[in-house]
Amino acid sequence: MASRSERRHRVDPADRQDHGERVPGPVLHRTRELLCAGARGRTLEVGVGSGRNLPFYPPQVRLTAIDTDPAKIERAREHAAELALPGRFLVGDVQDLDFPDRSFDTVMCTLTLGAVDDQAAAMREMYRVLEPGGRLLMVDRIGRARLPFRLVEQRRRNPRRLPREVAVEAGFRVGHHDRLMLGTIERVVAHRP
């Protein structure tokens, strides 16, 4: 049986079907490590997919993970079992979270915001379920700013926006943000005041 470290770096071809996995592996791998290291206490991962973040969570995290796809939830549950990582894995929609207000200390959102129909509703829900002082850890693609790509982006049913702008509009305070991949990916660390 492979060690946790060896399993951590294995990439199952089915995992490539997760949200936005066209981002080059090493860039996203390091981002996952950095963001997951910041998770504390009761943690909600929205859009868990097949569980690509699971190897990077600290041991003290009490994880709840959701995705709209039952097959991906099952794959994430299996991945967690391989890692001996306890957690709850549920079918759910980030735009309408089935959790009480202030249920979590951390919310992790990896390449999910740009995949939902209503980014503002999703961000408001993430804000609602966080405790005051709770952390939002997020990485996502941003809208294209240069012509002609900007015109294409504006015509999309769900045009991508800067993740940090959507977070600020929902009430979050952004503590850190930076861009990767020639400015096409944004990492955000924010908190609910």
Protein backbone atom coordinates (compact mmCIF):
# COMPACT_ATOMS: atom_id res chain seq x y z
CA MET A 1 0.00 0.00 0.00
CA ALA A 2 1.30 3.47 -0.92
CA SER A 3 2.18 5.90 1.84
CA ARG A 4 0.07 9.03 2.41
CA SER A 5 2.85 11.07 0.82
CA GLU A 6 2.87 8.88 -2.30
CA ARG A 7 -0.93 8.96 -2.54
CA ARG A 8 -0.82 12.72 -2.13
CA HIS A 9 0.93 13.17 -5.47
CA ARG A 10 -0.99 10.56 -7.49
CA VAL A 11 -3.34 12.01 -10.10
CA ASP A 12 -6.26 9.85 -11.13
CA PRO A 13 -7.37 10.64 -14.72
CA ALA A 14 -10.96 10.91 -13.46
CA ASP A 15 -9.83 13.76 -11.19
CA ARG A 16 -9.13 15.89 -14.26
CA GLN A 17 -12.88 16.23 -14.67
CA ASP A 18 -12.99 18.50 -11.61
CA HIS A 19 -13.79 22.19 -11.90
CA GLY A 20 -11.19 23.98 -14.00
CA GLU A 21 -8.46 21.38 -13.94
CA ARG A 22 -6.87 22.86 -17.05
CA VAL A 23 -4.66 24.86 -14.73
CA PRO A 24 -1.13 23.37 -14.89
CA GLY A 25 -0.54 20.82 -12.14
CA PRO A 26 2.48 22.33 -10.35
CA VAL A 27 0.84 25.76 -10.04
CA LEU A 28 -2.39 24.42 -8.64
CA HIS A 29 -0.60 21.82 -6.52
CA ARG A 30 1.36 24.50 -4.64
CA THR A 31 -1.74 26.70 -4.33
CA ARG A 32 -3.68 23.80 -2.82
CA GLU A 33 -0.90 23.24 -0.29
CA LEU A 34 -0.79 26.92 0.71
CA LEU A 35 -4.54 27.46 0.98
CA CYS A 36 -5.35 24.20 2.75
CA ALA A 37 -2.60 24.89 5.30
CA GLY A 38 -4.68 27.93 6.34
CA ALA A 39 -7.82 25.90 7.10
CA ARG A 40 -8.80 25.74 10.76
CA GLY A 41 -11.50 24.01 12.79
CA ARG A 42 -14.84 23.31 11.17
CA THR A 43 -14.05 23.57 7.45
CA LEU A 44 -16.48 23.53 4.54
CA GLU A 45 -15.11 22.79 1.09
CA VAL A 46 -17.54 23.82 -1.65
CA GLY A 47 -17.22 22.08 -5.00
CA VAL A 48 -14.96 19.34 -3.62
CA GLY A 49 -15.01 17.43 -6.90
CA SER A 50 -13.06 14.20 -6.55
CA GLY A 51 -11.12 15.49 -3.55
CA ARG A 52 -7.96 17.03 -4.98
CA ASN A 53 -7.48 19.22 -1.86
CA LEU A 54 -7.90 16.40 0.66
CA PRO A 55 -4.21 15.44 1.07
CA PHE A 56 -3.31 18.99 2.07
CA TYR A 57 -5.64 19.65 5.01
CA PRO A 58 -4.05 19.91 8.48
CA PRO A 59 -4.99 17.05 10.83
CA GLN A 60 -7.04 19.25 13.19
CA VAL A 61 -9.56 20.21 10.45
CA ARG A 62 -13.10 18.86 10.85
CA LEU A 63 -14.08 18.66 7.18
CA THR A 64 -17.48 18.89 5.52
CA ALA A 65 -17.35 18.77 1.73
CA ILE A 66 -20.08 19.33 -0.83
CA ASP A 67 -20.51 19.02 -4.57
CA THR A 68 -23.54 18.97 -6.85
CA ASP A 69 -22.38 15.72 -8.52
CA PRO A 70 -23.12 12.57 -6.45
CA ALA A 71 -20.47 10.59 -8.37
CA LYS A 72 -17.79 13.12 -7.45
CA ILE A 73 -18.90 13.08 -3.82
CA GLU A 74 -18.47 9.31 -3.81
CA ARG A 75 -15.01 9.62 -5.39
CA ALA A 76 -14.02 12.24 -2.77
CA ARG A 77 -15.31 9.97 0.02
CA GLU A 78 -13.16 7.10 -1.35
CA HIS A 79 -10.14 9.39 -1.64
CA ALA A 80 -10.61 10.53 1.98
CA ALA A 81 -10.81 6.89 3.11
CA GLU A 82 -7.51 6.16 1.32
CA LEU A 83 -5.95 9.07 3.22
CA ALA A 84 -7.60 8.08 6.53
CA LEU A 85 -9.13 11.58 6.58
CA PRO A 86 -12.45 11.74 8.41
CA GLY A 87 -15.15 14.02 7.06
CA ARG A 88 -18.71 14.42 5.89
CA PHE A 89 -19.27 14.31 2.11
CA LEU A 90 -22.65 15.60 0.97
CA VAL A 91 -24.46 16.49 -2.23
CA GLY A 92 -25.11 20.22 -2.06
CA ASP A 93 -25.13 23.50 -3.94
CA VAL A 94 -22.95 26.44 -2.88
CA GLN A 95 -25.69 28.82 -4.06
CA ASP A 96 -28.09 27.38 -1.46
CA LEU A 97 -26.15 25.82 1.41
CA ASP A 98 -28.11 23.57 3.73
CA PHE A 99 -26.25 24.62 6.90
CA PRO A 100 -27.22 27.01 9.69
CA ASP A 101 -25.69 30.48 9.92
CA ARG A 102 -22.18 30.59 11.41
CA SER A 103 -21.58 26.83 11.10
CA PHE A 104 -17.93 26.92 9.96
CA ASP A 105 -14.57 28.45 10.83
CA THR A 106 -13.17 28.10 7.28
CA VAL A 107 -14.65 27.87 3.79
CA MET A 108 -12.46 26.52 0.96
CA CYS A 109 -13.45 27.31 -2.62
CA THR A 110 -11.13 25.95 -5.33
CA LEU A 111 -12.06 26.72 -8.96
CA THR A 112 -15.76 26.59 -8.10
CA LEU A 113 -16.97 30.20 -8.13
CA GLY A 114 -16.61 30.56 -11.91
CA ALA A 115 -18.58 27.35 -12.45
CA VAL A 116 -21.78 28.46 -10.68
CA ASP A 117 -24.68 30.37 -12.23
CA ASP A 118 -24.94 33.06 -9.56
CA GLN A 119 -21.54 33.98 -8.15
CA ALA A 120 -22.97 36.64 -5.83
CA ALA A 121 -25.48 34.20 -4.30
CA ALA A 122 -22.74 31.60 -3.78
CA MET A 123 -20.50 34.17 -2.07
CA ARG A 124 -23.33 35.38 0.16
CA GLU A 125 -23.97 31.78 1.22
CA MET A 126 -20.29 31.24 2.03
CA TYR A 127 -20.35 34.44 4.09
CA ARG A 128 -23.53 33.37 5.90
CA VAL A 129 -22.20 29.99 7.05
CA LEU A 130 -18.90 31.42 8.35
CA GLU A 131 -18.42 32.48 11.96
CA PRO A 132 -17.40 36.12 12.42
CA GLY A 133 -13.63 36.07 12.03
CA GLY A 134 -13.89 32.93 9.86
CA ARG A 135 -11.67 32.52 6.81
CA LEU A 136 -12.49 32.25 3.13
CA LEU A 137 -9.69 30.52 1.19
CA MET A 138 -10.26 30.71 -2.55
CA VAL A 139 -8.59 30.30 -5.92
CA ASP A 140 -10.36 30.79 -9.23
CA ARG A 141 -9.96 31.93 -12.81
CA ILE A 142 -10.70 35.56 -13.54
CA GLY A 143 -12.45 37.19 -16.47
CA ARG A 144 -10.38 38.09 -19.46
CA ALA A 145 -9.60 41.80 -19.65
CA ARG A 146 -8.09 42.17 -23.11
CA LEU A 147 -9.94 42.45 -26.39
CA PRO A 148 -11.21 40.31 -28.13
CA PHE A 149 -11.33 37.92 -25.14
CA ARG A 150 -13.23 40.45 -23.01
CA LEU A 151 -16.08 40.48 -25.56
CA VAL A 152 -16.23 36.68 -25.52
CA GLU A 153 -16.29 36.69 -21.70
CA GLN A 154 -19.10 39.27 -21.60
CA ARG A 155 -21.24 37.06 -23.84
CA ARG A 156 -20.94 34.03 -21.56
CA ARG A 157 -24.03 33.08 -19.63
CA ASN A 158 -21.95 33.33 -16.45
CA PRO A 159 -19.09 35.77 -17.10
CA ARG A 160 -16.20 35.41 -14.69
CA ARG A 161 -15.51 38.25 -12.32
CA LEU A 162 -12.58 38.95 -10.04
CA PRO A 163 -13.12 36.58 -7.11
CA ARG A 164 -11.98 39.23 -4.61
CA GLU A 165 -14.54 41.74 -5.93
CA VAL A 166 -17.37 39.23 -5.50
CA ALA A 167 -16.08 38.51 -1.97
CA VAL A 168 -15.94 42.21 -1.02
CA GLU A 169 -19.48 42.77 -2.33
CA ALA A 170 -20.69 39.95 -0.05
CA GLY A 171 -19.08 41.62 2.98
CA PHE A 172 -15.72 39.86 3.24
CA ARG A 173 -12.52 41.71 4.08
CA VAL A 174 -9.68 40.62 1.81
CA GLY A 175 -6.41 40.13 3.67
CA HIS A 176 -4.36 38.84 0.74
CA HIS A 177 -4.76 38.31 -2.96
CA ASP A 178 -2.37 37.60 -5.78
CA ARG A 179 -2.44 36.39 -9.37
CA LEU A 180 -0.88 33.41 -11.09
CA MET A 181 -0.59 32.16 -14.64
CA LEU A 182 -0.03 35.53 -16.33
CA GLY A 183 -2.82 37.06 -14.26
CA THR A 184 -5.53 34.55 -15.22
CA ILE A 185 -5.83 32.88 -11.79
CA GLU A 186 -6.48 34.73 -8.54
CA ARG A 187 -5.83 33.50 -5.00
CA VAL A 188 -7.76 35.17 -2.20
CA VAL A 189 -7.58 34.93 1.57
CA ALA A 190 -10.42 36.85 3.23
CA HIS A 191 -12.38 36.81 6.46
CA ARG A 192 -15.85 37.58 7.69
CA PRO A 193 -15.61 40.62 10.01
